[in-house]
Amino acid sequence: MNQKKSSGTEFPAVSVVTLSVDSLLVPMPPKLEVGEVHVWEFPLRISGSAQTALEKCLSEDEQGRMRRFHALRDGQRFAAAHGMLRSILATYTGCPRSQLKFITSEFGKPRLAGSNSGLRFNLSHSRERALLGVRRDREIGVDIEAIKQDVECEKLAKRFFSDREQETLLQMNGEAQIRAFFRCWTCKEAFLKAQAVGLSRSLESFDIDLQCERARLAATRPDASEAERWSIVEINAAPGYAAAICIEGRAETIRLFRYDG
């Protein structure tokens, strides 16, 4: 296990802990302090034995969802992501992963049931990587996206981004524009997921500022004070991916647990 702190003066500080993929099924039992956020990044292309073990810990409903995917690989990714979700949450709760129970909000955001309901989490996965955020008592949202080189940045930005975000994107071209598009997209998705409102809230009702070194929530409408109650932090994900988290309030530290592979 290797651990390092990110450089720079950005707040909050991000400590990176590198874990071996060989320990994927036995996540280290971390101590999660109040005011701390844990983020887990892990691969979805795993060994056959690990895949089988994760599929076995899923609930009947999750196994049914896995089988409904038309492509076998998509079902395997779903099972790996949700099996790892259970494995990681089990280290915080002390409850066997197969026995964890979830309830969902009006817009489908899951939460642990029973005595562990104060542990908040959010999961996102794209292609071969997944991101899971965990904290206590306050909301969190995460998003990870595989960067696609053929994305129609300007067309999609006109449809989903605010005027301010479109203006920033149009000042760029080529690889810089593609990267900026996915940075903005992951930040916006993480914000919506943290609020547990899904697409019931317009993506144009808030602005992500990409003109600074780290993206930030610059403005919210119609409640301008809302921007002060949420924090967005970009995560340096694996090559070829963009990722971000959004947290209610502030966090003193963020610990990123990243599996190699």
C-alpha atoms as a PDB file:
ATOM      1  CA  MET A   1       0.000   0.000   0.000  1.00  0.00           C
ATOM      2  CA  ASN A   2       1.401   3.382  -1.009  1.00  0.00           C
ATOM      3  CA  GLN A   3       0.074   6.676   0.325  1.00  0.00           C
ATOM      4  CA  LYS A   4       0.792  10.243  -0.737  1.00  0.00           C
ATOM      5  CA  LYS A   5      -0.789  13.674  -0.527  1.00  0.00           C
ATOM      6  CA  SER A   6      -1.647  15.659  -3.589  1.00  0.00           C
ATOM      7  CA  SER A   7       0.486  18.724  -4.263  1.00  0.00           C
ATOM      8  CA  GLY A   8      -0.829  22.262  -4.496  1.00  0.00           C
ATOM      9  CA  THR A   9      -2.865  24.473  -2.237  1.00  0.00           C
ATOM     10  CA  GLU A  10      -6.342  23.271  -3.138  1.00  0.00           C
ATOM     11  CA  PHE A  11      -8.765  22.608  -0.276  1.00  0.00           C
ATOM     12  CA  PRO A  12      -9.590  20.097   0.968  1.00  0.00           C
ATOM     13  CA  ALA A  13      -6.389  18.077   0.905  1.00  0.00           C
ATOM     14  CA  VAL A  14      -6.532  14.782  -1.004  1.00  0.00           C
ATOM     15  CA  SER A  15      -4.504  11.815   0.227  1.00  0.00           C
ATOM     16  CA  VAL A  16      -4.049   9.006  -2.289  1.00  0.00           C
ATOM     17  CA  VAL A  17      -3.716   5.410  -1.079  1.00  0.00           C
ATOM     18  CA  THR A  18      -2.721   2.884  -3.762  1.00  0.00           C
ATOM     19  CA  LEU A  19      -3.998  -0.648  -3.198  1.00  0.00           C
ATOM     20  CA  SER A  20      -3.160  -3.892  -4.970  1.00  0.00           C
ATOM     21  CA  VAL A  21      -5.891  -5.403  -7.098  1.00  0.00           C
ATOM     22  CA  ASP A  22      -5.002  -8.711  -5.406  1.00  0.00           C
ATOM     23  CA  SER A  23      -6.731  -7.389  -2.267  1.00  0.00           C
ATOM     24  CA  LEU A  24      -9.881  -6.371  -4.134  1.00  0.00           C
ATOM     25  CA  LEU A  25     -12.196  -8.712  -2.212  1.00  0.00           C
ATOM     26  CA  VAL A  26     -10.839  -7.766   1.220  1.00  0.00           C
ATOM     27  CA  PRO A  27     -10.847  -3.960   1.380  1.00  0.00           C
ATOM     28  CA  MET A  28      -8.801  -2.530   4.237  1.00  0.00           C
ATOM     29  CA  PRO A  29     -11.057  -1.548   7.186  1.00  0.00           C
ATOM     30  CA  PRO A  30     -10.737   2.255   7.156  1.00  0.00           C
ATOM     31  CA  LYS A  31     -11.615   4.572  10.012  1.00  0.00           C
ATOM     32  CA  LEU A  32     -13.943   7.236   8.712  1.00  0.00           C
ATOM     33  CA  GLU A  33     -13.841  10.355  10.853  1.00  0.00           C
ATOM     34  CA  VAL A  34     -16.593  12.969  10.945  1.00  0.00           C
ATOM     35  CA  GLY A  35     -15.614  15.652   8.428  1.00  0.00           C
ATOM     36  CA  GLU A  36     -13.662  13.178   6.301  1.00  0.00           C
ATOM     37  CA  VAL A  37     -14.598  11.802   2.891  1.00  0.00           C
ATOM     38  CA  HIS A  38     -13.421   8.479   1.483  1.00  0.00           C
ATOM     39  CA  VAL A  39     -13.388   7.856  -2.259  1.00  0.00           C
ATOM     40  CA  TRP A  40     -12.742   4.413  -3.737  1.00  0.00           C
ATOM     41  CA  GLU A  41     -11.700   3.921  -7.368  1.00  0.00           C
ATOM     42  CA  PHE A  42     -11.553   0.350  -8.606  1.00  0.00           C
ATOM     43  CA  PRO A  43     -11.486  -1.690 -11.835  1.00  0.00           C
ATOM     44  CA  LEU A  44     -14.457  -3.611 -13.205  1.00  0.00           C
ATOM     45  CA  ARG A  45     -12.406  -6.011 -15.324  1.00  0.00           C
ATOM     46  CA  ILE A  46     -11.387  -8.533 -12.683  1.00  0.00           C
ATOM     47  CA  SER A  47     -10.439 -12.189 -12.386  1.00  0.00           C
ATOM     48  CA  GLY A  48     -13.049 -14.902 -12.862  1.00  0.00           C
ATOM     49  CA  SER A  49     -12.872 -16.018  -9.232  1.00  0.00           C
ATOM     50  CA  ALA A  50     -13.322 -12.440  -7.969  1.00  0.00           C
ATOM     51  CA  GLN A  51     -16.235 -11.915 -10.373  1.00  0.00           C
ATOM     52  CA  THR A  52     -17.945 -15.066  -9.107  1.00  0.00           C
ATOM     53  CA  ALA A  53     -17.476 -14.066  -5.463  1.00  0.00           C
ATOM     54  CA  LEU A  54     -18.944 -10.606  -6.042  1.00  0.00           C
ATOM     55  CA  GLU A  55     -21.928 -11.960  -7.951  1.00  0.00           C
ATOM     56  CA  LYS A  56     -22.726 -14.332  -5.097  1.00  0.00           C
ATOM     57  CA  CYS A  57     -23.007 -11.508  -2.561  1.00  0.00           C
ATOM     58  CA  LEU A  58     -25.628  -9.613  -4.578  1.00  0.00           C
ATOM     59  CA  SER A  59     -29.272  -9.594  -3.562  1.00  0.00           C
ATOM     60  CA  GLU A  60     -31.853 -11.438  -5.658  1.00  0.00           C
ATOM     61  CA  ASP A  61     -32.982  -8.121  -7.127  1.00  0.00           C
ATOM     62  CA  GLU A  62     -29.406  -7.149  -8.065  1.00  0.00           C
ATOM     63  CA  GLN A  63     -28.776 -10.549  -9.622  1.00  0.00           C
ATOM     64  CA  GLY A  64     -31.963 -10.132 -11.634  1.00  0.00           C
ATOM     65  CA  ARG A  65     -30.793  -6.729 -12.868  1.00  0.00           C
ATOM     66  CA  MET A  66     -27.437  -8.257 -13.805  1.00  0.00           C
ATOM     67  CA  ARG A  67     -29.120 -10.925 -15.923  1.00  0.00           C
ATOM     68  CA  ARG A  68     -31.320  -8.401 -17.746  1.00  0.00           C
ATOM     69  CA  PHE A  69     -28.356  -6.781 -19.505  1.00  0.00           C
ATOM     70  CA  HIS A  70     -28.286  -7.777 -23.175  1.00  0.00           C
ATOM     71  CA  ALA A  71     -24.474  -7.834 -23.294  1.00  0.00           C
ATOM     72  CA  LEU A  72     -22.748 -10.259 -20.926  1.00  0.00           C
ATOM     73  CA  ARG A  73     -19.889  -7.814 -20.291  1.00  0.00           C
ATOM     74  CA  ASP A  74     -22.314  -5.086 -19.187  1.00  0.00           C
ATOM     75  CA  GLY A  75     -23.900  -7.469 -16.690  1.00  0.00           C
ATOM     76  CA  GLN A  76     -20.477  -8.423 -15.357  1.00  0.00           C
ATOM     77  CA  ARG A  77     -19.552  -4.761 -14.900  1.00  0.00           C
ATOM     78  CA  PHE A  78     -22.779  -4.110 -13.025  1.00  0.00           C
ATOM     79  CA  ALA A  79     -22.146  -7.099 -10.750  1.00  0.00           C
ATOM     80  CA  ALA A  80     -18.542  -6.078 -10.092  1.00  0.00           C
ATOM     81  CA  ALA A  81     -19.540  -2.498  -9.264  1.00  0.00           C
ATOM     82  CA  HIS A  82     -22.383  -3.426  -6.929  1.00  0.00           C
ATOM     83  CA  GLY A  83     -20.501  -6.334  -5.398  1.00  0.00           C
ATOM     84  CA  MET A  84     -17.599  -4.019  -4.574  1.00  0.00           C
ATOM     85  CA  LEU A  85     -20.072  -1.478  -3.195  1.00  0.00           C
ATOM     86  CA  ARG A  86     -21.257  -4.139  -0.750  1.00  0.00           C
ATOM     87  CA  SER A  87     -17.700  -5.268   0.078  1.00  0.00           C
ATOM     88  CA  ILE A  88     -16.514  -1.740   0.829  1.00  0.00           C
ATOM     89  CA  LEU A  89     -19.585  -0.709   2.828  1.00  0.00           C
ATOM     90  CA  ALA A  90     -19.230  -3.916   4.857  1.00  0.00           C
ATOM     91  CA  THR A  91     -15.844  -2.710   6.130  1.00  0.00           C
ATOM     92  CA  TYR A  92     -17.484   0.429   7.573  1.00  0.00           C
ATOM     93  CA  THR A  93     -20.557  -1.243   9.040  1.00  0.00           C
ATOM     94  CA  GLY A  94     -19.219  -4.597  10.233  1.00  0.00           C
ATOM     95  CA  CYS A  95     -22.198  -6.224   8.526  1.00  0.00           C
ATOM     96  CA  PRO A  96     -21.590  -9.123   6.075  1.00  0.00           C
ATOM     97  CA  ARG A  97     -21.780  -7.754   2.554  1.00  0.00           C
ATOM     98  CA  SER A  98     -24.576 -10.077   1.478  1.00  0.00           C
ATOM     99  CA  GLN A  99     -26.745  -8.934   4.400  1.00  0.00           C
ATOM    100  CA  LEU A 100     -26.640  -5.200   3.735  1.00  0.00           C
ATOM    101  CA  LYS A 101     -30.100  -3.753   3.068  1.00  0.00           C
ATOM    102  CA  PHE A 102     -30.811  -0.654   1.007  1.00  0.00           C
ATOM    103  CA  ILE A 103     -33.678   1.763   0.662  1.00  0.00           C
ATOM    104  CA  THR A 104     -34.058   4.320  -2.119  1.00  0.00           C
ATOM    105  CA  SER A 105     -35.140   7.931  -2.245  1.00  0.00           C
ATOM    106  CA  GLU A 106     -37.935   9.292  -4.422  1.00  0.00           C
ATOM    107  CA  PHE A 107     -35.476   9.686  -7.305  1.00  0.00           C
ATOM    108  CA  GLY A 108     -33.731   6.361  -6.797  1.00  0.00           C
ATOM    109  CA  LYS A 109     -30.665   7.260  -4.720  1.00  0.00           C
ATOM    110  CA  PRO A 110     -29.864   4.295  -2.430  1.00  0.00           C
ATOM    111  CA  ARG A 111     -29.152   4.521   1.300  1.00  0.00           C
ATOM    112  CA  LEU A 112     -28.364   1.900   3.901  1.00  0.00           C
ATOM    113  CA  ALA A 113     -31.321   0.803   5.990  1.00  0.00           C
ATOM    114  CA  GLY A 114     -31.410   0.391   9.774  1.00  0.00           C
ATOM    115  CA  SER A 115     -28.679   1.364  12.208  1.00  0.00           C
ATOM    116  CA  ASN A 116     -26.203   2.214   9.435  1.00  0.00           C
ATOM    117  CA  SER A 117     -28.422   4.845   7.827  1.00  0.00           C
ATOM    118  CA  GLY A 118     -26.062   7.656   8.865  1.00  0.00           C
ATOM    119  CA  LEU A 119     -23.400   6.361   6.480  1.00  0.00           C
ATOM    120  CA  ARG A 120     -23.892   8.149   3.158  1.00  0.00           C
ATOM    121  CA  PHE A 121     -22.500   6.875  -0.125  1.00  0.00           C
ATOM    122  CA  ASN A 122     -22.782   7.166  -3.868  1.00  0.00           C
ATOM    123  CA  LEU A 123     -21.597   4.916  -6.708  1.00  0.00           C
ATOM    124  CA  SER A 124     -20.768   5.622 -10.351  1.00  0.00           C
ATOM    125  CA  HIS A 125     -19.223   3.433 -13.035  1.00  0.00           C
ATOM    126  CA  SER A 126     -18.229   3.834 -16.662  1.00  0.00           C
ATOM    127  CA  ARG A 127     -16.669   1.234 -18.925  1.00  0.00           C
ATOM    128  CA  GLU A 128     -13.945  -0.481 -16.862  1.00  0.00           C
ATOM    129  CA  ARG A 129     -13.703   1.817 -13.800  1.00  0.00           C
ATOM    130  CA  ALA A 130     -15.959   2.651 -10.853  1.00  0.00           C
ATOM    131  CA  LEU A 131     -15.987   5.374  -8.217  1.00  0.00           C
ATOM    132  CA  LEU A 132     -17.572   5.173  -4.765  1.00  0.00           C
ATOM    133  CA  GLY A 133     -17.793   8.041  -2.281  1.00  0.00           C
ATOM    134  CA  VAL A 134     -18.472   7.511   1.441  1.00  0.00           C
ATOM    135  CA  ARG A 135     -18.965   9.940   4.352  1.00  0.00           C
ATOM    136  CA  ARG A 136     -20.965  10.273   7.559  1.00  0.00           C
ATOM    137  CA  ASP A 137     -24.218  12.153   8.082  1.00  0.00           C
ATOM    138  CA  ARG A 138     -24.021  14.521   5.097  1.00  0.00           C
ATOM    139  CA  GLU A 139     -24.797  13.966   1.439  1.00  0.00           C
ATOM    140  CA  ILE A 140     -22.321  13.011  -1.256  1.00  0.00           C
ATOM    141  CA  GLY A 141     -22.502  12.460  -5.015  1.00  0.00           C
ATOM    142  CA  VAL A 142     -19.864  11.082  -7.385  1.00  0.00           C
ATOM    143  CA  ASP A 143     -19.451  10.632 -11.113  1.00  0.00           C
ATOM    144  CA  ILE A 144     -16.833   8.991 -13.318  1.00  0.00           C
ATOM    145  CA  GLU A 145     -16.906   9.025 -17.119  1.00  0.00           C
ATOM    146  CA  ALA A 146     -14.746   7.386 -19.763  1.00  0.00           C
ATOM    147  CA  ILE A 147     -13.518  10.167 -22.061  1.00  0.00           C
ATOM    148  CA  LYS A 148     -14.772   9.607 -25.610  1.00  0.00           C
ATOM    149  CA  GLN A 149     -12.841  11.327 -28.369  1.00  0.00           C
ATOM    150  CA  ASP A 150     -15.805  11.404 -30.779  1.00  0.00           C
ATOM    151  CA  VAL A 151     -18.158  13.246 -28.439  1.00  0.00           C
ATOM    152  CA  GLU A 152     -20.019  16.203 -29.996  1.00  0.00           C
ATOM    153  CA  CYS A 153     -18.979  18.655 -27.301  1.00  0.00           C
ATOM    154  CA  GLU A 154     -20.572  21.840 -28.614  1.00  0.00           C
ATOM    155  CA  LYS A 155     -23.851  20.177 -29.614  1.00  0.00           C
ATOM    156  CA  LEU A 156     -24.282  18.499 -26.216  1.00  0.00           C
ATOM    157  CA  ALA A 157     -23.153  21.594 -24.324  1.00  0.00           C
ATOM    158  CA  LYS A 158     -25.802  23.674 -26.106  1.00  0.00           C
ATOM    159  CA  ARG A 159     -28.415  21.169 -24.978  1.00  0.00           C
ATOM    160  CA  PHE A 160     -27.320  20.584 -21.373  1.00  0.00           C
ATOM    161  CA  PHE A 161     -24.858  23.252 -20.194  1.00  0.00           C
ATOM    162  CA  SER A 162     -25.505  26.756 -18.893  1.00  0.00           C
ATOM    163  CA  ASP A 163     -24.643  29.838 -20.973  1.00  0.00           C
ATOM    164  CA  ARG A 164     -21.539  30.449 -18.862  1.00  0.00           C
ATOM    165  CA  GLU A 165     -20.308  26.895 -19.337  1.00  0.00           C
ATOM    166  CA  GLN A 166     -20.954  27.002 -23.080  1.00  0.00           C
ATOM    167  CA  GLU A 167     -18.976  30.229 -23.358  1.00  0.00           C
ATOM    168  CA  THR A 168     -15.993  28.648 -21.614  1.00  0.00           C
ATOM    169  CA  LEU A 169     -16.145  25.538 -23.794  1.00  0.00           C
ATOM    170  CA  LEU A 170     -16.321  27.528 -27.042  1.00  0.00           C
ATOM    171  CA  GLN A 171     -13.027  29.214 -26.157  1.00  0.00           C
ATOM    172  CA  MET A 172     -11.311  25.826 -26.467  1.00  0.00           C
ATOM    173  CA  ASN A 173     -10.785  23.311 -29.235  1.00  0.00           C
ATOM    174  CA  GLY A 174      -9.398  19.859 -29.842  1.00  0.00           C
ATOM    175  CA  GLU A 175      -8.276  17.743 -26.908  1.00  0.00           C
ATOM    176  CA  ALA A 176      -8.613  20.654 -24.454  1.00  0.00           C
ATOM    177  CA  GLN A 177     -12.279  21.081 -25.348  1.00  0.00           C
ATOM    178  CA  ILE A 178     -13.015  17.366 -25.005  1.00  0.00           C
ATOM    179  CA  ARG A 179     -11.321  17.247 -21.610  1.00  0.00           C
ATOM    180  CA  ALA A 180     -13.181  20.352 -20.433  1.00  0.00           C
ATOM    181  CA  PHE A 181     -16.502  18.900 -21.563  1.00  0.00           C
ATOM    182  CA  PHE A 182     -16.061  15.751 -19.473  1.00  0.00           C
ATOM    183  CA  ARG A 183     -14.743  17.729 -16.494  1.00  0.00           C
ATOM    184  CA  CYS A 184     -17.887  19.855 -16.578  1.00  0.00           C
ATOM    185  CA  TRP A 185     -20.172  16.875 -17.148  1.00  0.00           C
ATOM    186  CA  THR A 186     -18.829  14.873 -14.187  1.00  0.00           C
ATOM    187  CA  CYS A 187     -19.067  17.890 -11.880  1.00  0.00           C
ATOM    188  CA  LYS A 188     -22.670  18.533 -12.885  1.00  0.00           C
ATOM    189  CA  GLU A 189     -23.650  14.875 -12.508  1.00  0.00           C
ATOM    190  CA  ALA A 190     -21.988  14.664  -9.078  1.00  0.00           C
ATOM    191  CA  PHE A 191     -23.931  17.752  -7.928  1.00  0.00           C
ATOM    192  CA  LEU A 192     -27.276  16.324  -9.055  1.00  0.00           C
ATOM    193  CA  LYS A 193     -26.501  12.955  -7.454  1.00  0.00           C
ATOM    194  CA  ALA A 194     -25.484  14.573  -4.172  1.00  0.00           C
ATOM    195  CA  GLN A 195     -28.822  16.368  -4.065  1.00  0.00           C
ATOM    196  CA  ALA A 196     -30.607  13.101  -4.951  1.00  0.00           C
ATOM    197  CA  VAL A 197     -32.808  14.875  -7.490  1.00  0.00           C
ATOM    198  CA  GLY A 198     -31.602  13.283 -10.721  1.00  0.00           C
ATOM    199  CA  LEU A 199     -32.654  15.067 -13.891  1.00  0.00           C
ATOM    200  CA  SER A 200     -35.699  16.560 -12.177  1.00  0.00           C
ATOM    201  CA  ARG A 201     -33.428  19.583 -11.794  1.00  0.00           C
ATOM    202  CA  SER A 202     -32.297  21.387 -14.917  1.00  0.00           C
ATOM    203  CA  LEU A 203     -28.592  21.150 -15.750  1.00  0.00           C
ATOM    204  CA  GLU A 204     -28.815  24.822 -16.715  1.00  0.00           C
ATOM    205  CA  SER A 205     -29.783  25.887 -13.172  1.00  0.00           C
ATOM    206  CA  PHE A 206     -26.183  26.017 -11.950  1.00  0.00           C
ATOM    207  CA  ASP A 207     -22.730  26.910 -13.280  1.00  0.00           C
ATOM    208  CA  ILE A 208     -19.462  24.997 -13.053  1.00  0.00           C
ATOM    209  CA  ASP A 209     -16.412  27.240 -13.340  1.00  0.00           C
ATOM    210  CA  LEU A 210     -13.665  25.511 -15.335  1.00  0.00           C
ATOM    211  CA  GLN A 211     -11.409  28.533 -15.697  1.00  0.00           C
ATOM    212  CA  CYS A 212      -9.534  27.834 -12.471  1.00  0.00           C
ATOM    213  CA  GLU A 213      -7.114  24.997 -11.765  1.00  0.00           C
ATOM    214  CA  ARG A 214      -9.835  23.008 -10.002  1.00  0.00           C
ATOM    215  CA  ALA A 215     -13.465  23.203 -11.063  1.00  0.00           C
ATOM    216  CA  ARG A 216     -15.880  24.802  -8.606  1.00  0.00           C
ATOM    217  CA  LEU A 217     -19.597  25.392  -8.206  1.00  0.00           C
ATOM    218  CA  ALA A 218     -19.771  29.042  -9.238  1.00  0.00           C
ATOM    219  CA  ALA A 219     -23.489  29.865  -9.161  1.00  0.00           C
ATOM    220  CA  THR A 220     -26.907  28.334  -8.503  1.00  0.00           C
ATOM    221  CA  ARG A 221     -30.359  29.485  -9.540  1.00  0.00           C
ATOM    222  CA  PRO A 222     -32.884  30.516  -8.309  1.00  0.00           C
ATOM    223  CA  ASP A 223     -31.256  30.277  -4.829  1.00  0.00           C
ATOM    224  CA  ALA A 224     -27.860  31.977  -5.128  1.00  0.00           C
ATOM    225  CA  SER A 225     -26.868  31.003  -1.567  1.00  0.00           C
ATOM    226  CA  GLU A 226     -27.100  27.316  -2.462  1.00  0.00           C
ATOM    227  CA  ALA A 227     -23.625  27.397  -4.024  1.00  0.00           C
ATOM    228  CA  GLU A 228     -22.140  28.052  -0.582  1.00  0.00           C
ATOM    229  CA  ARG A 229     -23.682  24.900   0.856  1.00  0.00           C
ATOM    230  CA  TRP A 230     -22.020  22.446  -1.552  1.00  0.00           C
ATOM    231  CA  SER A 231     -18.428  21.703  -2.544  1.00  0.00           C
ATOM    232  CA  ILE A 232     -17.187  20.126  -5.768  1.00  0.00           C
ATOM    233  CA  VAL A 233     -13.809  18.409  -5.931  1.00  0.00           C
ATOM    234  CA  GLU A 234     -12.313  16.907  -9.072  1.00  0.00           C
ATOM    235  CA  ILE A 235     -10.653  13.523  -8.673  1.00  0.00           C
ATOM    236  CA  ASN A 236      -7.552  12.542 -10.641  1.00  0.00           C
ATOM    237  CA  ALA A 237      -8.940   9.280 -11.994  1.00  0.00           C
ATOM    238  CA  ALA A 238      -7.195   6.642 -14.103  1.00  0.00           C
ATOM    239  CA  PRO A 239      -5.942   7.744 -17.538  1.00  0.00           C
ATOM    240  CA  GLY A 240      -8.795   8.140 -19.991  1.00  0.00           C
ATOM    241  CA  TYR A 241     -11.360   9.031 -17.316  1.00  0.00           C
ATOM    242  CA  ALA A 242     -12.751  12.190 -15.727  1.00  0.00           C
ATOM    243  CA  ALA A 243     -14.201  12.125 -12.219  1.00  0.00           C
ATOM    244  CA  ALA A 244     -15.614  14.447  -9.580  1.00  0.00           C
ATOM    245  CA  ILE A 245     -17.350  14.370  -6.225  1.00  0.00           C
ATOM    246  CA  CYS A 246     -19.815  16.788  -4.664  1.00  0.00           C
ATOM    247  CA  ILE A 247     -20.282  17.027  -0.921  1.00  0.00           C
ATOM    248  CA  GLU A 248     -22.745  18.849   1.264  1.00  0.00           C
ATOM    249  CA  GLY A 249     -20.855  21.521   3.177  1.00  0.00           C
ATOM    250  CA  ARG A 250     -17.097  21.102   3.464  1.00  0.00           C
ATOM    251  CA  ALA A 251     -14.662  18.301   4.289  1.00  0.00           C
ATOM    252  CA  GLU A 252     -11.399  18.575   6.169  1.00  0.00           C
ATOM    253  CA  THR A 253      -9.725  15.810   4.158  1.00  0.00           C
ATOM    254  CA  ILE A 254     -10.468  13.453   1.306  1.00  0.00           C
ATOM    255  CA  ARG A 255      -8.820  10.045   1.136  1.00  0.00           C
ATOM    256  CA  LEU A 256      -8.728   8.394  -2.289  1.00  0.00           C
ATOM    257  CA  PHE A 257      -8.281   4.610  -2.206  1.00  0.00           C
ATOM    258  CA  ARG A 258      -7.237   3.568  -5.713  1.00  0.00           C
ATOM    259  CA  TYR A 259      -6.834  -0.030  -6.836  1.00  0.00           C
ATOM    260  CA  ASP A 260      -4.246  -0.653  -9.510  1.00  0.00           C
ATOM    261  CA  GLY A 261      -5.176  -2.628 -12.602  1.00  0.00           C
END
